[in-house]
Amino acid sequence: MPAITPNTLARAYNDAGYFARNVRTIEVLVDRDAVTSGAAAAGEPWQYYDMGHGYCTYTFFEQCQHRMACARCDFYTPKASTKGQLLEAKDNLQRMLASIPLTDDEQAAVDDGQAALDQLLVRLTDVPTPAGPTPRQIGIPATATLLPIVDVRQGHT
């Protein structure tokens, strides 16, 4: 039997639809003024991942375990807040799309709704957020009903 090469393996995953099934595309706002002024290099937020109910400024958003079950960490800005409204009013924002790979738990939350989201919240209760504290330390109950994701766009197949 011939050895399986990385190309053969990648082709098999692609043919099976694995990548299209496990990736979602979300909108990202890029603050061009923060980039050109050097504020981004100084640690100021410059990219805002649109989660439907708010924005996340965590640079490594695609790696955050809490990204669909936001624990209201320091990187989160609710859209209904004054800060969120000021962000949306900026005229220097560039709207872009980012493809985000989903874990099995996140895929279930997208496909199956609140029950799967509740299971994800329970699993993440003691997992630190990007800001440091866990949802338990922040005081968010594991059965919290969080705001829904209002728009999920599937990646290109």
N, C-alpha and C. Protein backbone atom coordinates (compact mmCIF):
# COMPACT_ATOMS: atom_id res chain seq x y z
N MET A 1 0.85 -1.17 0.00
CA MET A 1 0.00 0.00 0.00
C MET A 1 0.90 1.24 0.00
N PRO A 2 0.62 2.21 -0.90
CA PRO A 2 1.46 3.41 -0.95
C PRO A 2 1.25 4.30 0.28
N ALA A 3 2.28 5.06 0.61
CA ALA A 3 2.20 5.98 1.75
C ALA A 3 1.23 7.11 1.44
N ILE A 4 0.53 7.57 2.47
CA ILE A 4 -0.39 8.70 2.31
C ILE A 4 0.40 9.98 2.44
N THR A 5 0.38 10.80 1.39
CA THR A 5 1.12 12.06 1.41
C THR A 5 0.23 13.15 2.01
N PRO A 6 0.83 14.24 2.46
CA PRO A 6 0.01 15.35 2.97
C PRO A 6 -0.97 15.88 1.92
N ASN A 7 -0.55 15.90 0.65
CA ASN A 7 -1.44 16.37 -0.41
C ASN A 7 -2.64 15.44 -0.57
N THR A 8 -2.41 14.14 -0.52
CA THR A 8 -3.49 13.17 -0.63
C THR A 8 -4.46 13.32 0.53
N LEU A 9 -3.93 13.50 1.72
CA LEU A 9 -4.76 13.67 2.90
C LEU A 9 -5.59 14.95 2.81
N ALA A 10 -4.95 16.06 2.41
CA ALA A 10 -5.66 17.33 2.27
C ALA A 10 -6.76 17.22 1.21
N ARG A 11 -6.48 16.55 0.11
CA ARG A 11 -7.47 16.37 -0.95
C ARG A 11 -8.66 15.54 -0.43
N ALA A 12 -8.38 14.53 0.37
CA ALA A 12 -9.45 13.69 0.93
C ALA A 12 -10.35 14.51 1.85
N TYR A 13 -9.73 15.34 2.71
CA TYR A 13 -10.52 16.21 3.59
C TYR A 13 -11.36 17.18 2.75
N ASN A 14 -10.75 17.76 1.73
CA ASN A 14 -11.46 18.70 0.88
C ASN A 14 -12.62 18.02 0.15
N ASP A 15 -12.36 16.85 -0.42
CA ASP A 15 -13.41 16.12 -1.14
C ASP A 15 -14.57 15.73 -0.22
N ALA A 16 -14.27 15.48 1.04
CA ALA A 16 -15.31 15.11 2.00
C ALA A 16 -16.08 16.32 2.51
N GLY A 17 -15.66 17.52 2.13
CA GLY A 17 -16.34 18.73 2.58
C GLY A 17 -16.02 19.13 4.00
N TYR A 18 -14.94 18.58 4.55
CA TYR A 18 -14.59 18.84 5.95
C TYR A 18 -14.35 20.33 6.19
N PHE A 19 -13.59 20.97 5.31
CA PHE A 19 -13.23 22.37 5.54
C PHE A 19 -14.42 23.29 5.40
N ALA A 20 -15.28 23.05 4.43
CA ALA A 20 -16.47 23.89 4.26
C ALA A 20 -17.45 23.70 5.41
N ARG A 21 -17.53 22.50 5.94
CA ARG A 21 -18.47 22.20 7.01
C ARG A 21 -18.03 22.81 8.34
N ASN A 22 -16.75 22.94 8.57
CA ASN A 22 -16.22 23.36 9.86
C ASN A 22 -15.67 24.78 9.87
N VAL A 23 -16.02 25.58 8.88
CA VAL A 23 -15.54 26.96 8.81
C VAL A 23 -16.73 27.89 8.61
N ARG A 24 -16.73 28.99 9.30
CA ARG A 24 -17.75 30.02 9.12
C ARG A 24 -17.03 31.34 8.85
N THR A 25 -17.73 32.22 8.16
CA THR A 25 -17.18 33.52 7.83
C THR A 25 -17.92 34.57 8.64
N ILE A 26 -17.16 35.45 9.29
CA ILE A 26 -17.77 36.54 10.06
C ILE A 26 -17.17 37.86 9.59
N GLU A 27 -17.87 38.93 9.90
CA GLU A 27 -17.40 40.26 9.53
C GLU A 27 -16.41 40.77 10.57
N VAL A 28 -15.38 41.43 10.09
CA VAL A 28 -14.38 42.05 10.96
C VAL A 28 -14.26 43.52 10.55
N LEU A 29 -14.35 44.40 11.53
CA LEU A 29 -14.14 45.82 11.27
C LEU A 29 -12.68 46.14 11.56
N VAL A 30 -12.02 46.79 10.62
CA VAL A 30 -10.62 47.17 10.80
C VAL A 30 -10.56 48.68 10.92
N ASP A 31 -10.03 49.16 12.03
CA ASP A 31 -9.89 50.60 12.29
C ASP A 31 -8.60 51.07 11.64
N ARG A 32 -8.72 51.63 10.45
CA ARG A 32 -7.54 52.05 9.69
C ARG A 32 -6.78 53.17 10.38
N ASP A 33 -7.49 54.06 11.06
CA ASP A 33 -6.82 55.16 11.78
C ASP A 33 -5.92 54.62 12.88
N ALA A 34 -6.39 53.59 13.60
CA ALA A 34 -5.59 53.00 14.68
C ALA A 34 -4.32 52.36 14.11
N VAL A 35 -4.42 51.80 12.93
CA VAL A 35 -3.24 51.18 12.30
C VAL A 35 -2.26 52.24 11.82
N THR A 36 -2.75 53.23 11.08
CA THR A 36 -1.85 54.24 10.50
C THR A 36 -1.27 55.19 11.54
N SER A 37 -1.98 55.41 12.63
CA SER A 37 -1.47 56.33 13.66
C SER A 37 -0.46 55.67 14.60
N GLY A 38 -0.37 54.34 14.54
CA GLY A 38 0.54 53.63 15.43
C GLY A 38 -0.11 53.18 16.73
N ALA A 39 -1.38 53.52 16.92
CA ALA A 39 -2.08 53.13 18.15
C ALA A 39 -2.17 51.61 18.25
N ALA A 40 -2.34 50.94 17.12
CA ALA A 40 -2.42 49.47 17.13
C ALA A 40 -1.11 48.87 17.60
N ALA A 41 0.00 49.45 17.18
CA ALA A 41 1.32 48.96 17.61
C ALA A 41 1.53 49.19 19.10
N ALA A 42 0.82 50.17 19.66
CA ALA A 42 0.92 50.47 21.09
C ALA A 42 -0.05 49.63 21.91
N GLY A 43 -0.77 48.72 21.26
CA GLY A 43 -1.68 47.84 22.00
C GLY A 43 -3.14 48.21 21.96
N GLU A 44 -3.48 49.29 21.26
CA GLU A 44 -4.89 49.70 21.16
C GLU A 44 -5.62 48.75 20.20
N PRO A 45 -6.90 48.48 20.43
CA PRO A 45 -7.65 47.62 19.50
C PRO A 45 -7.70 48.23 18.10
N TRP A 46 -7.63 47.38 17.11
CA TRP A 46 -7.70 47.85 15.72
C TRP A 46 -8.56 46.94 14.85
N GLN A 47 -8.87 45.76 15.36
CA GLN A 47 -9.78 44.85 14.64
C GLN A 47 -10.89 44.44 15.59
N TYR A 48 -12.11 44.44 15.06
CA TYR A 48 -13.29 44.16 15.86
C TYR A 48 -14.08 43.04 15.18
N TYR A 49 -14.08 41.87 15.79
CA TYR A 49 -14.80 40.71 15.25
C TYR A 49 -16.27 40.85 15.63
N ASP A 50 -17.14 40.89 14.61
CA ASP A 50 -18.57 41.08 14.82
C ASP A 50 -19.22 39.76 15.19
N MET A 51 -19.67 39.66 16.44
CA MET A 51 -20.29 38.44 16.94
C MET A 51 -21.81 38.52 16.89
N GLY A 52 -22.34 39.53 16.24
CA GLY A 52 -23.79 39.70 16.16
C GLY A 52 -24.31 40.56 17.29
N HIS A 53 -24.01 40.20 18.53
CA HIS A 53 -24.48 40.93 19.70
C HIS A 53 -23.42 41.88 20.25
N GLY A 54 -22.21 41.80 19.72
CA GLY A 54 -21.13 42.64 20.21
C GLY A 54 -19.87 42.41 19.39
N TYR A 55 -18.80 43.05 19.83
CA TYR A 55 -17.52 42.95 19.14
C TYR A 55 -16.46 42.38 20.07
N CYS A 56 -15.57 41.59 19.52
CA CYS A 56 -14.42 41.07 20.25
C CYS A 56 -13.17 41.66 19.64
N THR A 57 -12.28 42.20 20.48
CA THR A 57 -11.05 42.80 20.00
C THR A 57 -9.83 41.92 20.27
N TYR A 58 -10.07 40.68 20.68
CA TYR A 58 -8.95 39.77 20.96
C TYR A 58 -8.24 39.45 19.65
N THR A 59 -6.95 39.75 19.58
CA THR A 59 -6.17 39.58 18.36
C THR A 59 -6.23 38.15 17.82
N PHE A 60 -6.26 37.18 18.72
CA PHE A 60 -6.28 35.78 18.30
C PHE A 60 -7.68 35.19 18.46
N PHE A 61 -8.69 35.94 18.03
CA PHE A 61 -10.09 35.56 18.15
C PHE A 61 -10.36 34.15 17.66
N GLU A 62 -9.76 33.79 16.53
CA GLU A 62 -10.04 32.47 15.95
C GLU A 62 -9.55 31.34 16.84
N GLN A 63 -8.69 31.62 17.82
CA GLN A 63 -8.19 30.60 18.74
C GLN A 63 -8.89 30.63 20.11
N CYS A 64 -9.75 31.62 20.33
CA CYS A 64 -10.40 31.78 21.64
C CYS A 64 -11.47 30.71 21.83
N GLN A 65 -11.40 30.00 22.93
CA GLN A 65 -12.38 28.96 23.23
C GLN A 65 -13.75 29.54 23.59
N HIS A 66 -13.79 30.81 23.96
CA HIS A 66 -15.04 31.44 24.41
C HIS A 66 -15.74 32.23 23.31
N ARG A 67 -15.25 32.19 22.10
CA ARG A 67 -15.73 33.11 21.07
C ARG A 67 -17.21 32.99 20.73
N MET A 68 -17.84 31.87 20.94
CA MET A 68 -19.28 31.77 20.68
C MET A 68 -20.08 31.84 21.97
N ALA A 69 -19.44 31.69 23.07
CA ALA A 69 -20.09 31.74 24.38
C ALA A 69 -19.36 32.81 25.18
N CYS A 70 -19.44 34.01 24.68
CA CYS A 70 -18.65 35.11 25.23
C CYS A 70 -18.88 35.27 26.73
N ALA A 71 -17.78 35.31 27.46
CA ALA A 71 -17.84 35.42 28.92
C ALA A 71 -17.78 36.87 29.37
N ARG A 72 -17.98 37.79 28.48
CA ARG A 72 -17.95 39.22 28.78
C ARG A 72 -16.60 39.63 29.37
N CYS A 73 -15.54 39.17 28.73
CA CYS A 73 -14.20 39.52 29.19
C CYS A 73 -13.84 40.94 28.74
N ASP A 74 -12.65 41.39 29.06
CA ASP A 74 -12.21 42.74 28.75
C ASP A 74 -12.15 43.02 27.25
N PHE A 75 -12.10 41.99 26.42
CA PHE A 75 -12.01 42.18 24.98
C PHE A 75 -13.39 42.34 24.32
N TYR A 76 -14.46 42.17 25.09
CA TYR A 76 -15.81 42.20 24.55
C TYR A 76 -16.46 43.58 24.72
N THR A 77 -17.11 44.05 23.64
CA THR A 77 -17.86 45.30 23.68
C THR A 77 -19.26 45.04 23.15
N PRO A 78 -20.31 45.13 24.00
CA PRO A 78 -21.68 44.93 23.52
C PRO A 78 -22.05 46.01 22.49
N LYS A 79 -22.79 45.63 21.47
CA LYS A 79 -23.20 46.60 20.44
C LYS A 79 -24.10 47.68 21.02
N ALA A 80 -24.92 47.32 21.99
CA ALA A 80 -25.88 48.29 22.54
C ALA A 80 -25.21 49.28 23.49
N SER A 81 -23.93 49.07 23.81
CA SER A 81 -23.24 49.98 24.73
C SER A 81 -22.83 51.26 24.00
N THR A 82 -22.53 52.29 24.76
CA THR A 82 -22.07 53.54 24.17
C THR A 82 -20.79 53.31 23.37
N LYS A 83 -19.88 52.51 23.92
CA LYS A 83 -18.61 52.23 23.23
C LYS A 83 -18.87 51.52 21.89
N GLY A 84 -19.80 50.57 21.89
CA GLY A 84 -20.15 49.86 20.66
C GLY A 84 -20.77 50.78 19.63
N GLN A 85 -21.64 51.68 20.07
CA GLN A 85 -22.28 52.62 19.16
C GLN A 85 -21.28 53.62 18.59
N LEU A 86 -20.32 54.07 19.42
CA LEU A 86 -19.28 54.97 18.92
C LEU A 86 -18.41 54.29 17.89
N LEU A 87 -18.11 53.03 18.12
CA LEU A 87 -17.31 52.27 17.16
C LEU A 87 -18.03 52.19 15.82
N GLU A 88 -19.31 51.85 15.84
CA GLU A 88 -20.07 51.72 14.60
C GLU A 88 -20.22 53.06 13.87
N ALA A 89 -20.10 54.18 14.58
CA ALA A 89 -20.26 55.49 13.96
C ALA A 89 -18.97 55.99 13.30
N LYS A 90 -17.85 55.33 13.52
CA LYS A 90 -16.59 55.77 12.91
C LYS A 90 -16.67 55.66 11.40
N ASP A 91 -16.08 56.63 10.73
CA ASP A 91 -16.13 56.60 9.27
C ASP A 91 -14.86 56.02 8.65
N ASN A 92 -13.91 55.62 9.46
CA ASN A 92 -12.65 55.10 8.94
C ASN A 92 -12.57 53.58 9.00
N LEU A 93 -13.70 52.93 9.27
CA LEU A 93 -13.68 51.48 9.41
C LEU A 93 -13.73 50.80 8.05
N GLN A 94 -12.94 49.78 7.90
CA GLN A 94 -12.98 48.95 6.70
C GLN A 94 -13.62 47.63 7.09
N ARG A 95 -14.65 47.24 6.37
CA ARG A 95 -15.34 45.98 6.66
C ARG A 95 -14.70 44.87 5.85
N MET A 96 -14.32 43.81 6.57
CA MET A 96 -13.67 42.67 5.93
C MET A 96 -14.35 41.41 6.44
N LEU A 97 -14.03 40.28 5.84
CA LEU A 97 -14.54 39.00 6.27
C LEU A 97 -13.38 38.13 6.72
N ALA A 98 -13.62 37.33 7.75
CA ALA A 98 -12.61 36.39 8.24
C ALA A 98 -13.25 35.01 8.32
N SER A 99 -12.53 34.00 7.84
CA SER A 99 -12.99 32.62 7.96
C SER A 99 -12.47 32.06 9.26
N ILE A 100 -13.37 31.51 10.04
CA ILE A 100 -13.03 31.02 11.37
C ILE A 100 -13.32 29.52 11.43
N PRO A 101 -12.31 28.70 11.75
CA PRO A 101 -12.60 27.27 11.91
C PRO A 101 -13.37 27.04 13.21
N LEU A 102 -14.36 26.16 13.17
CA LEU A 102 -15.19 25.87 14.33
C LEU A 102 -14.80 24.54 14.96
N THR A 103 -14.86 24.50 16.29
CA THR A 103 -14.69 23.24 17.00
C THR A 103 -15.99 22.45 16.85
N ASP A 104 -15.96 21.19 17.23
CA ASP A 104 -17.18 20.38 17.17
C ASP A 104 -18.29 20.97 18.05
N ASP A 105 -17.91 21.49 19.24
CA ASP A 105 -18.90 22.10 20.14
C ASP A 105 -19.52 23.35 19.51
N GLU A 106 -18.69 24.16 18.86
CA GLU A 106 -19.20 25.37 18.22
C GLU A 106 -20.08 25.02 17.02
N GLN A 107 -19.67 24.00 16.27
CA GLN A 107 -20.47 23.55 15.14
C GLN A 107 -21.86 23.10 15.62
N ALA A 108 -21.88 22.37 16.73
CA ALA A 108 -23.15 21.92 17.30
C ALA A 108 -23.99 23.11 17.75
N ALA A 109 -23.36 24.14 18.32
CA ALA A 109 -24.10 25.33 18.76
C ALA A 109 -24.72 26.04 17.58
N VAL A 110 -24.01 26.10 16.46
CA VAL A 110 -24.55 26.74 15.25
C VAL A 110 -25.70 25.90 14.70
N ASP A 111 -25.51 24.59 14.64
CA ASP A 111 -26.51 23.70 14.03
C ASP A 111 -27.68 23.40 14.95
N ASP A 112 -27.42 23.19 16.24
CA ASP A 112 -28.43 22.69 17.16
C ASP A 112 -29.00 23.73 18.11
N GLY A 113 -28.41 24.91 18.18
CA GLY A 113 -28.99 26.00 18.95
C GLY A 113 -28.66 26.02 20.43
N GLN A 114 -29.64 26.44 21.23
CA GLN A 114 -29.44 26.76 22.64
C GLN A 114 -28.95 25.59 23.48
N ALA A 115 -29.46 24.39 23.25
CA ALA A 115 -29.03 23.23 24.06
C ALA A 115 -27.54 22.99 23.90
N ALA A 116 -27.05 23.06 22.67
CA ALA A 116 -25.63 22.85 22.42
C ALA A 116 -24.81 24.02 23.00
N LEU A 117 -25.35 25.23 22.90
CA LEU A 117 -24.66 26.39 23.47
C LEU A 117 -24.55 26.25 24.99
N ASP A 118 -25.62 25.77 25.64
CA ASP A 118 -25.58 25.55 27.08
C ASP A 118 -24.50 24.53 27.46
N GLN A 119 -24.37 23.47 26.67
CA GLN A 119 -23.32 22.46 26.92
C GLN A 119 -21.94 23.08 26.77
N LEU A 120 -21.78 23.94 25.76
CA LEU A 120 -20.50 24.62 25.55
C LEU A 120 -20.19 25.52 26.74
N LEU A 121 -21.19 26.24 27.24
CA LEU A 121 -20.98 27.11 28.40
C LEU A 121 -20.54 26.32 29.63
N VAL A 122 -21.16 25.17 29.86
CA VAL A 122 -20.79 24.33 31.00
C VAL A 122 -19.33 23.88 30.86
N ARG A 123 -18.95 23.47 29.66
CA ARG A 123 -17.58 22.99 29.42
C ARG A 123 -16.55 24.11 29.64
N LEU A 124 -16.94 25.35 29.37
CA LEU A 124 -16.00 26.48 29.45
C LEU A 124 -16.00 27.19 30.80
N THR A 125 -16.78 26.73 31.76
CA THR A 125 -16.93 27.41 33.04
C THR A 125 -15.60 27.72 33.72
N ASP A 126 -14.65 26.80 33.66
CA ASP A 126 -13.37 27.00 34.33
C ASP A 126 -12.21 27.21 33.37
N VAL A 127 -12.50 27.52 32.11
CA VAL A 127 -11.46 27.80 31.12
C VAL A 127 -11.23 29.30 31.10
N PRO A 128 -9.99 29.75 31.31
CA PRO A 128 -9.73 31.20 31.33
C PRO A 128 -10.08 31.88 30.01
N THR A 129 -10.63 33.08 30.10
CA THR A 129 -10.88 33.90 28.92
C THR A 129 -9.55 34.53 28.49
N PRO A 130 -9.49 35.15 27.31
CA PRO A 130 -8.24 35.81 26.90
C PRO A 130 -7.78 36.87 27.91
N ALA A 131 -8.74 37.48 28.63
CA ALA A 131 -8.39 38.50 29.61
C ALA A 131 -7.87 37.91 30.92
N GLY A 132 -8.04 36.59 31.11
CA GLY A 132 -7.52 35.95 32.31
C GLY A 132 -8.52 35.21 33.17
N PRO A 133 -9.58 35.89 33.66
CA PRO A 133 -10.50 35.19 34.56
C PRO A 133 -11.37 34.18 33.82
N THR A 134 -11.84 33.19 34.54
CA THR A 134 -12.76 32.20 33.98
C THR A 134 -14.19 32.74 34.07
N PRO A 135 -15.14 32.17 33.31
CA PRO A 135 -16.53 32.59 33.45
C PRO A 135 -17.03 32.46 34.89
N ARG A 136 -16.57 31.42 35.61
CA ARG A 136 -16.98 31.26 37.01
C ARG A 136 -16.49 32.44 37.84
N GLN A 137 -15.25 32.88 37.61
CA GLN A 137 -14.69 34.02 38.36
C GLN A 137 -15.40 35.33 37.99
N ILE A 138 -15.81 35.45 36.73
CA ILE A 138 -16.53 36.64 36.30
C ILE A 138 -17.93 36.66 36.90
N GLY A 139 -18.46 35.45 37.19
CA GLY A 139 -19.78 35.36 37.80
C GLY A 139 -20.89 35.09 36.82
N ILE A 140 -20.55 34.57 35.65
CA ILE A 140 -21.57 34.24 34.67
C ILE A 140 -22.01 32.80 34.90
N PRO A 141 -23.29 32.56 35.17
CA PRO A 141 -23.76 31.19 35.41
C PRO A 141 -23.60 30.33 34.16
N ALA A 142 -23.36 29.05 34.36
CA ALA A 142 -23.14 28.12 33.25
C ALA A 142 -24.38 27.96 32.39
N THR A 143 -25.53 28.32 32.90
CA THR A 143 -26.76 28.16 32.13
C THR A 143 -27.27 29.50 31.62
N ALA A 144 -26.40 30.49 31.54
CA ALA A 144 -26.81 31.81 31.08
C ALA A 144 -27.39 31.74 29.68
N THR A 145 -28.45 32.49 29.45
CA THR A 145 -28.99 32.61 28.11
C THR A 145 -28.34 33.84 27.51
N LEU A 146 -27.40 33.61 26.61
CA LEU A 146 -26.69 34.71 25.99
C LEU A 146 -27.41 35.16 24.74
N LEU A 147 -27.08 36.33 24.27
CA LEU A 147 -27.69 36.85 23.06
C LEU A 147 -27.36 35.93 21.90
N PRO A 148 -28.29 35.75 20.97
CA PRO A 148 -28.05 34.82 19.86
C PRO A 148 -27.11 35.39 18.81
N ILE A 149 -26.51 34.51 18.06
CA ILE A 149 -25.75 34.92 16.88
C ILE A 149 -26.80 35.21 15.82
N VAL A 150 -26.83 36.44 15.32
CA VAL A 150 -27.91 36.82 14.42
C VAL A 150 -27.60 36.52 12.97
N ASP A 151 -26.35 36.32 12.63
CA ASP A 151 -26.02 36.07 11.23
C ASP A 151 -24.80 35.18 11.16
N VAL A 152 -24.95 34.04 10.53
CA VAL A 152 -23.84 33.14 10.30
C VAL A 152 -23.77 32.89 8.81
N ARG A 153 -22.62 33.20 8.22
CA ARG A 153 -22.46 33.01 6.79
C ARG A 153 -21.51 31.86 6.56
N GLN A 154 -21.93 30.90 5.78
CA GLN A 154 -21.10 29.75 5.50
C GLN A 154 -20.01 30.16 4.52
N GLY A 155 -18.83 29.55 4.65
CA GLY A 155 -17.73 29.81 3.74
C GLY A 155 -18.04 29.24 2.37
N HIS A 156 -17.26 29.67 1.39
CA HIS A 156 -17.44 29.16 0.03
C HIS A 156 -17.04 27.71 -0.04
N THR A 157 -17.80 26.93 -0.79
CA THR A 157 -17.48 25.51 -0.94
C THR A 157 -16.70 25.27 -2.21
